[in-house]
Amino acid sequence: MLSAGMPPPHQPSPSESGEREEARIHADIAVRLDQPRLLTIEQAIEWINDDELVEVTPAAVRVRKRILDHSKRKTAESANASGLLRVQTPSGSVPATT
């Protein structure tokens, strides 16, 4: 019950920033990234897993996932666990190795 002469309690509108949003805005997030590995072609081929590829360009040697889309990759991993996966490569479809 409100007393006479007292203003009603403040109800923030949805567009007003609350404490939670302000905490996110003002939080200092320090992310420490490791130096990238500088690999030769031979080192990259030895280092990769079965679900990765080595991309070689004149400027760089990169390791990337064979299936880039995360949800498709998870589906393929579960299919591979049951032995049903065939991996689509640029040269054609080949059975996945386990």
PDB file of N, CA and C in Angstrom:
ATOM      1  N   MET A   1       0.830  -1.169   0.000  1.00  0.00           N
ATOM      2  CA  MET A   1       0.000   0.000   0.000  1.00  0.00           C
ATOM      3  C   MET A   1       0.878   1.236   0.000  1.00  0.00           C
ATOM      4  N   LEU A   2       0.528   2.214  -0.811  1.00  0.00           N
ATOM      5  CA  LEU A   2       1.317   3.423  -0.912  1.00  0.00           C
ATOM      6  C   LEU A   2       0.867   4.460   0.092  1.00  0.00           C
ATOM      7  N   SER A   3       1.828   5.137   0.669  1.00  0.00           N
ATOM      8  CA  SER A   3       1.519   6.227   1.586  1.00  0.00           C
ATOM      9  C   SER A   3       1.185   7.464   0.768  1.00  0.00           C
ATOM     10  N   ALA A   4       0.437   8.358   1.354  1.00  0.00           N
ATOM     11  CA  ALA A   4       0.092   9.601   0.675  1.00  0.00           C
ATOM     12  C   ALA A   4       1.353  10.421   0.470  1.00  0.00           C
ATOM     13  N   GLY A   5       1.524  10.955  -0.700  1.00  0.00           N
ATOM     14  CA  GLY A   5       2.679  11.794  -0.998  1.00  0.00           C
ATOM     15  C   GLY A   5       3.906  11.009  -1.442  1.00  0.00           C
ATOM     16  N   MET A   6       3.877   9.691  -1.425  1.00  0.00           N
ATOM     17  CA  MET A   6       5.020   8.873  -1.851  1.00  0.00           C
ATOM     18  C   MET A   6       4.846   8.517  -3.329  1.00  0.00           C
ATOM     19  N   PRO A   7       5.884   8.693  -4.116  1.00  0.00           N
ATOM     20  CA  PRO A   7       5.761   8.293  -5.526  1.00  0.00           C
ATOM     21  C   PRO A   7       5.747   6.770  -5.635  1.00  0.00           C
ATOM     22  N   PRO A   8       5.120   6.244  -6.665  1.00  0.00           N
ATOM     23  CA  PRO A   8       5.124   4.789  -6.823  1.00  0.00           C
ATOM     24  C   PRO A   8       6.536   4.291  -7.107  1.00  0.00           C
ATOM     25  N   PRO A   9       6.829   3.040  -6.742  1.00  0.00           N
ATOM     26  CA  PRO A   9       8.175   2.520  -7.017  1.00  0.00           C
ATOM     27  C   PRO A   9       8.440   2.519  -8.516  1.00  0.00           C
ATOM     28  N   HIS A  10       9.689   2.728  -8.843  1.00  0.00           N
ATOM     29  CA  HIS A  10      10.069   2.822 -10.255  1.00  0.00           C
ATOM     30  C   HIS A  10      10.051   1.439 -10.901  1.00  0.00           C
ATOM     31  N   GLN A  11       9.346   1.311 -11.993  1.00  0.00           N
ATOM     32  CA  GLN A  11       9.311   0.077 -12.780  1.00  0.00           C
ATOM     33  C   GLN A  11      10.070   0.342 -14.074  1.00  0.00           C
ATOM     34  N   PRO A  12      11.249  -0.261 -14.271  1.00  0.00           N
ATOM     35  CA  PRO A  12      11.994   0.016 -15.507  1.00  0.00           C
ATOM     36  C   PRO A  12      11.259  -0.528 -16.724  1.00  0.00           C
ATOM     37  N   SER A  13      11.328   0.223 -17.787  1.00  0.00           N
ATOM     38  CA  SER A  13      10.710  -0.231 -19.029  1.00  0.00           C
ATOM     39  C   SER A  13      11.640  -1.239 -19.705  1.00  0.00           C
ATOM     40  N   PRO A  14      11.140  -2.047 -20.624  1.00  0.00           N
ATOM     41  CA  PRO A  14      11.996  -3.029 -21.285  1.00  0.00           C
ATOM     42  C   PRO A  14      13.172  -2.407 -22.025  1.00  0.00           C
ATOM     43  N   SER A  15      13.045  -1.143 -22.421  1.00  0.00           N
ATOM     44  CA  SER A  15      14.142  -0.516 -23.158  1.00  0.00           C
ATOM     45  C   SER A  15      15.234   0.016 -22.250  1.00  0.00           C
ATOM     46  N   GLU A  16      14.960   0.103 -20.937  1.00  0.00           N
ATOM     47  CA  GLU A  16      15.976   0.589 -20.017  1.00  0.00           C
ATOM     48  C   GLU A  16      16.965  -0.521 -19.689  1.00  0.00           C
ATOM     49  N   SER A  17      18.198  -0.117 -19.497  1.00  0.00           N
ATOM     50  CA  SER A  17      19.249  -1.083 -19.180  1.00  0.00           C
ATOM     51  C   SER A  17      19.186  -1.455 -17.703  1.00  0.00           C
ATOM     52  N   GLY A  18      19.225  -2.721 -17.412  1.00  0.00           N
ATOM     53  CA  GLY A  18      19.228  -3.188 -16.034  1.00  0.00           C
ATOM     54  C   GLY A  18      20.643  -3.475 -15.575  1.00  0.00           C
ATOM     55  N   GLU A  19      20.786  -3.907 -14.333  1.00  0.00           N
ATOM     56  CA  GLU A  19      22.111  -4.194 -13.788  1.00  0.00           C
ATOM     57  C   GLU A  19      22.826  -5.268 -14.585  1.00  0.00           C
ATOM     58  N   ARG A  20      22.108  -6.284 -14.998  1.00  0.00           N
ATOM     59  CA  ARG A  20      22.728  -7.403 -15.708  1.00  0.00           C
ATOM     60  C   ARG A  20      23.359  -6.935 -17.018  1.00  0.00           C
ATOM     61  N   GLU A  21      22.639  -6.126 -17.799  1.00  0.00           N
ATOM     62  CA  GLU A  21      23.175  -5.642 -19.060  1.00  0.00           C
ATOM     63  C   GLU A  21      24.361  -4.716 -18.838  1.00  0.00           C
ATOM     64  N   GLU A  22      24.251  -3.859 -17.810  1.00  0.00           N
ATOM     65  CA  GLU A  22      25.354  -2.947 -17.522  1.00  0.00           C
ATOM     66  C   GLU A  22      26.597  -3.711 -17.116  1.00  0.00           C
ATOM     67  N   ALA A  23      26.431  -4.785 -16.372  1.00  0.00           N
ATOM     68  CA  ALA A  23      27.581  -5.589 -15.963  1.00  0.00           C
ATOM     69  C   ALA A  23      28.264  -6.188 -17.189  1.00  0.00           C
ATOM     70  N   ARG A  24      27.465  -6.612 -18.173  1.00  0.00           N
ATOM     71  CA  ARG A  24      28.052  -7.164 -19.387  1.00  0.00           C
ATOM     72  C   ARG A  24      28.770  -6.091 -20.193  1.00  0.00           C
ATOM     73  N   ILE A  25      28.213  -4.913 -20.226  1.00  0.00           N
ATOM     74  CA  ILE A  25      28.815  -3.828 -21.003  1.00  0.00           C
ATOM     75  C   ILE A  25      30.145  -3.409 -20.399  1.00  0.00           C
ATOM     76  N   HIS A  26      30.203  -3.334 -19.061  1.00  0.00           N
ATOM     77  CA  HIS A  26      31.384  -2.804 -18.400  1.00  0.00           C
ATOM     78  C   HIS A  26      32.400  -3.866 -18.007  1.00  0.00           C
ATOM     79  N   ALA A  27      32.098  -5.114 -18.253  1.00  0.00           N
ATOM     80  CA  ALA A  27      33.020  -6.184 -17.864  1.00  0.00           C
ATOM     81  C   ALA A  27      34.236  -6.173 -18.788  1.00  0.00           C
ATOM     82  N   ASP A  28      35.392  -6.307 -18.202  1.00  0.00           N
ATOM     83  CA  ASP A  28      36.624  -6.436 -18.973  1.00  0.00           C
ATOM     84  C   ASP A  28      36.878  -7.914 -19.205  1.00  0.00           C
ATOM     85  N   ILE A  29      36.790  -8.310 -20.440  1.00  0.00           N
ATOM     86  CA  ILE A  29      36.985  -9.708 -20.780  1.00  0.00           C
ATOM     87  C   ILE A  29      38.352  -9.825 -21.439  1.00  0.00           C
ATOM     88  N   ALA A  30      39.234 -10.516 -20.774  1.00  0.00           N
ATOM     89  CA  ALA A  30      40.575 -10.710 -21.303  1.00  0.00           C
ATOM     90  C   ALA A  30      40.664 -12.116 -21.882  1.00  0.00           C
ATOM     91  N   VAL A  31      40.885 -12.196 -23.166  1.00  0.00           N
ATOM     92  CA  VAL A  31      41.016 -13.480 -23.838  1.00  0.00           C
ATOM     93  C   VAL A  31      42.467 -13.608 -24.277  1.00  0.00           C
ATOM     94  N   ARG A  32      43.085 -14.670 -23.857  1.00  0.00           N
ATOM     95  CA  ARG A  32      44.478 -14.910 -24.213  1.00  0.00           C
ATOM     96  C   ARG A  32      44.514 -15.967 -25.303  1.00  0.00           C
ATOM     97  N   LEU A  33      45.013 -15.596 -26.460  1.00  0.00           N
ATOM     98  CA  LEU A  33      45.126 -16.535 -27.573  1.00  0.00           C
ATOM     99  C   LEU A  33      46.563 -16.999 -27.706  1.00  0.00           C
ATOM    100  N   ASP A  34      46.724 -18.285 -27.948  1.00  0.00           N
ATOM    101  CA  ASP A  34      48.056 -18.821 -28.171  1.00  0.00           C
ATOM    102  C   ASP A  34      48.523 -18.454 -29.568  1.00  0.00           C
ATOM    103  N   GLN A  35      49.829 -18.445 -29.751  1.00  0.00           N
ATOM    104  CA  GLN A  35      50.393 -18.184 -31.068  1.00  0.00           C
ATOM    105  C   GLN A  35      49.994 -19.312 -32.010  1.00  0.00           C
ATOM    106  N   PRO A  36      49.688 -19.012 -33.262  1.00  0.00           N
ATOM    107  CA  PRO A  36      49.355 -20.090 -34.198  1.00  0.00           C
ATOM    108  C   PRO A  36      50.587 -20.952 -34.467  1.00  0.00           C
ATOM    109  N   ARG A  37      50.345 -22.223 -34.724  1.00  0.00           N
ATOM    110  CA  ARG A  37      51.448 -23.131 -35.046  1.00  0.00           C
ATOM    111  C   ARG A  37      51.898 -22.874 -36.479  1.00  0.00           C
ATOM    112  N   LEU A  38      53.164 -22.710 -36.672  1.00  0.00           N
ATOM    113  CA  LEU A  38      53.716 -22.569 -38.007  1.00  0.00           C
ATOM    114  C   LEU A  38      54.218 -23.939 -38.425  1.00  0.00           C
ATOM    115  N   LEU A  39      53.489 -24.569 -39.349  1.00  0.00           N
ATOM    116  CA  LEU A  39      53.778 -25.940 -39.743  1.00  0.00           C
ATOM    117  C   LEU A  39      54.232 -26.003 -41.191  1.00  0.00           C
ATOM    118  N   THR A  40      55.124 -26.943 -41.462  1.00  0.00           N
ATOM    119  CA  THR A  40      55.439 -27.262 -42.847  1.00  0.00           C
ATOM    120  C   THR A  40      54.348 -28.200 -43.356  1.00  0.00           C
ATOM    121  N   ILE A  41      54.340 -28.484 -44.645  1.00  0.00           N
ATOM    122  CA  ILE A  41      53.338 -29.396 -45.199  1.00  0.00           C
ATOM    123  C   ILE A  41      53.450 -30.763 -44.535  1.00  0.00           C
ATOM    124  N   GLU A  42      54.658 -31.254 -44.374  1.00  0.00           N
ATOM    125  CA  GLU A  42      54.869 -32.565 -43.779  1.00  0.00           C
ATOM    126  C   GLU A  42      54.400 -32.598 -42.328  1.00  0.00           C
ATOM    127  N   GLN A  43      54.715 -31.552 -41.558  1.00  0.00           N
ATOM    128  CA  GLN A  43      54.286 -31.487 -40.161  1.00  0.00           C
ATOM    129  C   GLN A  43      52.765 -31.426 -40.066  1.00  0.00           C
ATOM    130  N   ALA A  44      52.124 -30.666 -40.947  1.00  0.00           N
ATOM    131  CA  ALA A  44      50.667 -30.540 -40.934  1.00  0.00           C
ATOM    132  C   ALA A  44      50.004 -31.875 -41.246  1.00  0.00           C
ATOM    133  N   ILE A  45      50.544 -32.614 -42.209  1.00  0.00           N
ATOM    134  CA  ILE A  45      49.975 -33.915 -42.565  1.00  0.00           C
ATOM    135  C   ILE A  45      50.104 -34.894 -41.400  1.00  0.00           C
ATOM    136  N   GLU A  46      51.219 -34.859 -40.691  1.00  0.00           N
ATOM    137  CA  GLU A  46      51.397 -35.732 -39.530  1.00  0.00           C
ATOM    138  C   GLU A  46      50.506 -35.317 -38.367  1.00  0.00           C
ATOM    139  N   TRP A  47      50.192 -34.034 -38.248  1.00  0.00           N
ATOM    140  CA  TRP A  47      49.503 -33.486 -37.093  1.00  0.00           C
ATOM    141  C   TRP A  47      47.979 -33.602 -37.171  1.00  0.00           C
ATOM    142  N   ILE A  48      47.404 -33.661 -38.381  1.00  0.00           N
ATOM    143  CA  ILE A  48      45.948 -33.606 -38.534  1.00  0.00           C
ATOM    144  C   ILE A  48      45.260 -34.884 -38.059  1.00  0.00           C
ATOM    145  N   ASN A  49      43.975 -34.744 -37.737  1.00  0.00           N
ATOM    146  CA  ASN A  49      43.115 -35.881 -37.399  1.00  0.00           C
ATOM    147  C   ASN A  49      42.413 -36.358 -38.658  1.00  0.00           C
ATOM    148  N   ASP A  50      41.649 -37.438 -38.548  1.00  0.00           N
ATOM    149  CA  ASP A  50      40.936 -37.991 -39.694  1.00  0.00           C
ATOM    150  C   ASP A  50      39.876 -37.043 -40.252  1.00  0.00           C
ATOM    151  N   ASP A  51      39.358 -36.145 -39.410  1.00  0.00           N
ATOM    152  CA  ASP A  51      38.297 -35.241 -39.857  1.00  0.00           C
ATOM    153  C   ASP A  51      38.827 -33.885 -40.318  1.00  0.00           C
ATOM    154  N   GLU A  52      40.119 -33.783 -40.597  1.00  0.00           N
ATOM    155  CA  GLU A  52      40.726 -32.516 -41.001  1.00  0.00           C
ATOM    156  C   GLU A  52      41.434 -32.648 -42.339  1.00  0.00           C
ATOM    157  N   LEU A  53      41.667 -31.490 -42.960  1.00  0.00           N
ATOM    158  CA  LEU A  53      42.390 -31.405 -44.232  1.00  0.00           C
ATOM    159  C   LEU A  53      43.541 -30.422 -44.087  1.00  0.00           C
ATOM    160  N   VAL A  54      44.519 -30.538 -44.970  1.00  0.00           N
ATOM    161  CA  VAL A  54      45.597 -29.559 -45.039  1.00  0.00           C
ATOM    162  C   VAL A  54      45.393 -28.772 -46.321  1.00  0.00           C
ATOM    163  N   GLU A  55      45.236 -27.450 -46.194  1.00  0.00           N
ATOM    164  CA  GLU A  55      45.111 -26.567 -47.353  1.00  0.00           C
ATOM    165  C   GLU A  55      46.453 -25.912 -47.600  1.00  0.00           C
ATOM    166  N   VAL A  56      46.921 -26.002 -48.817  1.00  0.00           N
ATOM    167  CA  VAL A  56      48.219 -25.428 -49.167  1.00  0.00           C
ATOM    168  C   VAL A  56      48.007 -24.385 -50.245  1.00  0.00           C
ATOM    169  N   THR A  57      48.437 -23.163 -49.955  1.00  0.00           N
ATOM    170  CA  THR A  57      48.415 -22.076 -50.930  1.00  0.00           C
ATOM    171  C   THR A  57      49.832 -21.524 -51.021  1.00  0.00           C
ATOM    172  N   PRO A  58      50.114 -20.679 -51.999  1.00  0.00           N
ATOM    173  CA  PRO A  58      51.458 -20.099 -52.060  1.00  0.00           C
ATOM    174  C   PRO A  58      51.821 -19.291 -50.808  1.00  0.00           C
ATOM    175  N   ALA A  59      50.806 -18.756 -50.115  1.00  0.00           N
ATOM    176  CA  ALA A  59      51.081 -17.905 -48.955  1.00  0.00           C
ATOM    177  C   ALA A  59      51.005 -18.634 -47.621  1.00  0.00           C
ATOM    178  N   ALA A  60      50.336 -19.801 -47.568  1.00  0.00           N
ATOM    179  CA  ALA A  60      50.116 -20.412 -46.256  1.00  0.00           C
ATOM    180  C   ALA A  60      49.859 -21.906 -46.354  1.00  0.00           C
ATOM    181  N   VAL A  61      50.098 -22.574 -45.225  1.00  0.00           N
ATOM    182  CA  VAL A  61      49.705 -23.966 -45.029  1.00  0.00           C
ATOM    183  C   VAL A  61      48.719 -23.928 -43.868  1.00  0.00           C
ATOM    184  N   ARG A  62      47.474 -24.354 -44.131  1.00  0.00           N
ATOM    185  CA  ARG A  62      46.426 -24.286 -43.114  1.00  0.00           C
ATOM    186  C   ARG A  62      45.841 -25.664 -42.852  1.00  0.00           C
ATOM    187  N   VAL A  63      45.436 -25.874 -41.601  1.00  0.00           N
ATOM    188  CA  VAL A  63      44.715 -27.086 -41.219  1.00  0.00           C
ATOM    189  C   VAL A  63      43.278 -26.661 -40.959  1.00  0.00           C
ATOM    190  N   ARG A  64      42.318 -27.362 -41.571  1.00  0.00           N
ATOM    191  CA  ARG A  64      40.908 -27.038 -41.355  1.00  0.00           C
ATOM    192  C   ARG A  64      40.104 -28.318 -41.246  1.00  0.00           C
ATOM    193  N   LYS A  65      38.890 -28.188 -40.735  1.00  0.00           N
ATOM    194  CA  LYS A  65      37.990 -29.339 -40.636  1.00  0.00           C
ATOM    195  C   LYS A  65      37.511 -29.727 -42.027  1.00  0.00           C
ATOM    196  N   ARG A  66      37.331 -31.020 -42.269  1.00  0.00           N
ATOM    197  CA  ARG A  66      36.849 -31.528 -43.550  1.00  0.00           C
ATOM    198  C   ARG A  66      35.429 -31.033 -43.806  1.00  0.00           C
ATOM    199  N   ILE A  67      34.576 -31.088 -42.783  1.00  0.00           N
ATOM    200  CA  ILE A  67      33.202 -30.590 -42.871  1.00  0.00           C
ATOM    201  C   ILE A  67      33.151 -29.313 -42.044  1.00  0.00           C
ATOM    202  N   LEU A  68      32.933 -28.164 -42.699  1.00  0.00           N
ATOM    203  CA  LEU A  68      33.023 -26.883 -42.011  1.00  0.00           C
ATOM    204  C   LEU A  68      31.807 -26.571 -41.157  1.00  0.00           C
ATOM    205  N   ASP A  69      30.608 -26.939 -41.583  1.00  0.00           N
ATOM    206  CA  ASP A  69      29.390 -26.645 -40.840  1.00  0.00           C
ATOM    207  C   ASP A  69      29.339 -27.485 -39.564  1.00  0.00           C
ATOM    208  N   HIS A  70      29.197 -26.813 -38.415  1.00  0.00           N
ATOM    209  CA  HIS A  70      29.262 -27.498 -37.118  1.00  0.00           C
ATOM    210  C   HIS A  70      28.173 -28.564 -36.969  1.00  0.00           C
ATOM    211  N   SER A  71      26.941 -28.233 -37.336  1.00  0.00           N
ATOM    212  CA  SER A  71      25.857 -29.199 -37.153  1.00  0.00           C
ATOM    213  C   SER A  71      26.029 -30.398 -38.080  1.00  0.00           C
ATOM    214  N   LYS A  72      26.482 -30.166 -39.321  1.00  0.00           N
ATOM    215  CA  LYS A  72      26.730 -31.286 -40.229  1.00  0.00           C
ATOM    216  C   LYS A  72      27.894 -32.139 -39.743  1.00  0.00           C
ATOM    217  N   ARG A  73      28.897 -31.479 -39.154  1.00  0.00           N
ATOM    218  CA  ARG A  73      30.051 -32.212 -38.635  1.00  0.00           C
ATOM    219  C   ARG A  73      29.635 -33.114 -37.484  1.00  0.00           C
ATOM    220  N   LYS A  74      28.769 -32.633 -36.578  1.00  0.00           N
ATOM    221  CA  LYS A  74      28.310 -33.458 -35.457  1.00  0.00           C
ATOM    222  C   LYS A  74      27.482 -34.632 -35.960  1.00  0.00           C
ATOM    223  N   THR A  75      26.646 -34.401 -36.999  1.00  0.00           N
ATOM    224  CA  THR A  75      25.858 -35.483 -37.587  1.00  0.00           C
ATOM    225  C   THR A  75      26.785 -36.526 -38.202  1.00  0.00           C
ATOM    226  N   ALA A  76      27.813 -36.059 -38.897  1.00  0.00           N
ATOM    227  CA  ALA A  76      28.764 -36.975 -39.522  1.00  0.00           C
ATOM    228  C   ALA A  76      29.543 -37.767 -38.480  1.00  0.00           C
ATOM    229  N   GLU A  77      29.893 -37.118 -37.350  1.00  0.00           N
ATOM    230  CA  GLU A  77      30.616 -37.831 -36.290  1.00  0.00           C
ATOM    231  C   GLU A  77      29.764 -38.949 -35.704  1.00  0.00           C
ATOM    232  N   SER A  78      28.483 -38.678 -35.499  1.00  0.00           N
ATOM    233  CA  SER A  78      27.623 -39.731 -34.939  1.00  0.00           C
ATOM    234  C   SER A  78      27.398 -40.842 -35.969  1.00  0.00           C
ATOM    235  N   ALA A  79      27.288 -40.482 -37.257  1.00  0.00           N
ATOM    236  CA  ALA A  79      27.142 -41.497 -38.299  1.00  0.00           C
ATOM    237  C   ALA A  79      28.424 -42.309 -38.435  1.00  0.00           C
ATOM    238  N   ASN A  80      29.564 -41.653 -38.289  1.00  0.00           N
ATOM    239  CA  ASN A  80      30.850 -42.333 -38.381  1.00  0.00           C
ATOM    240  C   ASN A  80      31.013 -43.318 -37.231  1.00  0.00           C
ATOM    241  N   ALA A  81      30.491 -42.966 -36.067  1.00  0.00           N
ATOM    242  CA  ALA A  81      30.577 -43.868 -34.917  1.00  0.00           C
ATOM    243  C   ALA A  81      29.793 -45.154 -35.165  1.00  0.00           C
ATOM    244  N   SER A  82      28.721 -45.053 -35.963  1.00  0.00           N
ATOM    245  CA  SER A  82      27.935 -46.244 -36.267  1.00  0.00           C
ATOM    246  C   SER A  82      28.392 -46.920 -37.557  1.00  0.00           C
ATOM    247  N   GLY A  83      29.415 -46.366 -38.222  1.00  0.00           N
ATOM    248  CA  GLY A  83      29.972 -46.978 -39.424  1.00  0.00           C
ATOM    249  C   GLY A  83      29.197 -46.696 -40.693  1.00  0.00           C
ATOM    250  N   LEU A  84      28.366 -45.662 -40.716  1.00  0.00           N
ATOM    251  CA  LEU A  84      27.528 -45.375 -41.878  1.00  0.00           C
ATOM    252  C   LEU A  84      28.035 -44.224 -42.738  1.00  0.00           C
ATOM    253  N   LEU A  85      29.130 -43.591 -42.388  1.00  0.00           N
ATOM    254  CA  LEU A  85      29.540 -42.348 -43.039  1.00  0.00           C
ATOM    255  C   LEU A  85      30.341 -42.576 -44.311  1.00  0.00           C
ATOM    256  N   ARG A  86      30.002 -41.806 -45.338  1.00  0.00           N
ATOM    257  CA  ARG A  86      30.826 -41.683 -46.529  1.00  0.00           C
ATOM    258  C   ARG A  86      31.149 -40.215 -46.669  1.00  0.00           C
ATOM    259  N   VAL A  87      32.415 -39.864 -46.725  1.00  0.00           N
ATOM    260  CA  VAL A  87      32.855 -38.472 -46.743  1.00  0.00           C
ATOM    261  C   VAL A  87      32.880 -37.981 -48.180  1.00  0.00           C
ATOM    262  N   GLN A  88      32.260 -36.809 -48.420  1.00  0.00           N
ATOM    263  CA  GLN A  88      32.276 -36.194 -49.738  1.00  0.00           C
ATOM    264  C   GLN A  88      33.519 -35.319 -49.845  1.00  0.00           C
ATOM    265  N   THR A  89      34.373 -35.634 -50.778  1.00  0.00           N
ATOM    266  CA  THR A  89      35.584 -34.870 -51.032  1.00  0.00           C
ATOM    267  C   THR A  89      35.492 -34.261 -52.418  1.00  0.00           C
ATOM    268  N   PRO A  90      36.374 -33.312 -52.745  1.00  0.00           N
ATOM    269  CA  PRO A  90      36.329 -32.727 -54.092  1.00  0.00           C
ATOM    270  C   PRO A  90      36.507 -33.762 -55.199  1.00  0.00           C
ATOM    271  N   SER A  91      37.229 -34.857 -54.927  1.00  0.00           N
ATOM    272  CA  SER A  91      37.456 -35.872 -55.950  1.00  0.00           C
ATOM    273  C   SER A  91      36.356 -36.930 -55.995  1.00  0.00           C
ATOM    274  N   GLY A  92      35.418 -36.893 -55.047  1.00  0.00           N
ATOM    275  CA  GLY A  92      34.324 -37.862 -55.032  1.00  0.00           C
ATOM    276  C   GLY A  92      34.062 -38.385 -53.646  1.00  0.00           C
ATOM    277  N   SER A  93      33.130 -39.312 -53.533  1.00  0.00           N
ATOM    278  CA  SER A  93      32.739 -39.878 -52.245  1.00  0.00           C
ATOM    279  C   SER A  93      33.624 -41.084 -51.927  1.00  0.00           C
ATOM    280  N   VAL A  94      34.176 -41.097 -50.735  1.00  0.00           N
ATOM    281  CA  VAL A  94      35.031 -42.212 -50.306  1.00  0.00           C
ATOM    282  C   VAL A  94      34.601 -42.647 -48.914  1.00  0.00           C
ATOM    283  N   PRO A  95      34.762 -43.920 -48.559  1.00  0.00           N
ATOM    284  CA  PRO A  95      34.424 -44.345 -47.202  1.00  0.00           C
ATOM    285  C   PRO A  95      35.345 -43.665 -46.196  1.00  0.00           C
ATOM    286  N   ALA A  96      34.805 -43.259 -45.082  1.00  0.00           N
ATOM    287  CA  ALA A  96      35.597 -42.620 -44.033  1.00  0.00           C
ATOM    288  C   ALA A  96      36.440 -43.670 -43.331  1.00  0.00           C
ATOM    289  N   THR A  97      37.651 -43.286 -42.956  1.00  0.00           N
ATOM    290  CA  THR A  97      38.518 -44.192 -42.193  1.00  0.00           C
ATOM    291  C   THR A  97      38.309 -43.935 -40.720  1.00  0.00           C
ATOM    292  N   THR A  98      38.374 -44.963 -39.922  1.00  0.00           N
ATOM    293  CA  THR A  98      38.210 -44.797 -38.477  1.00  0.00           C
ATOM    294  C   THR A  98      39.475 -45.099 -37.754  1.00  0.00           C
TER     295      THR A  98
END
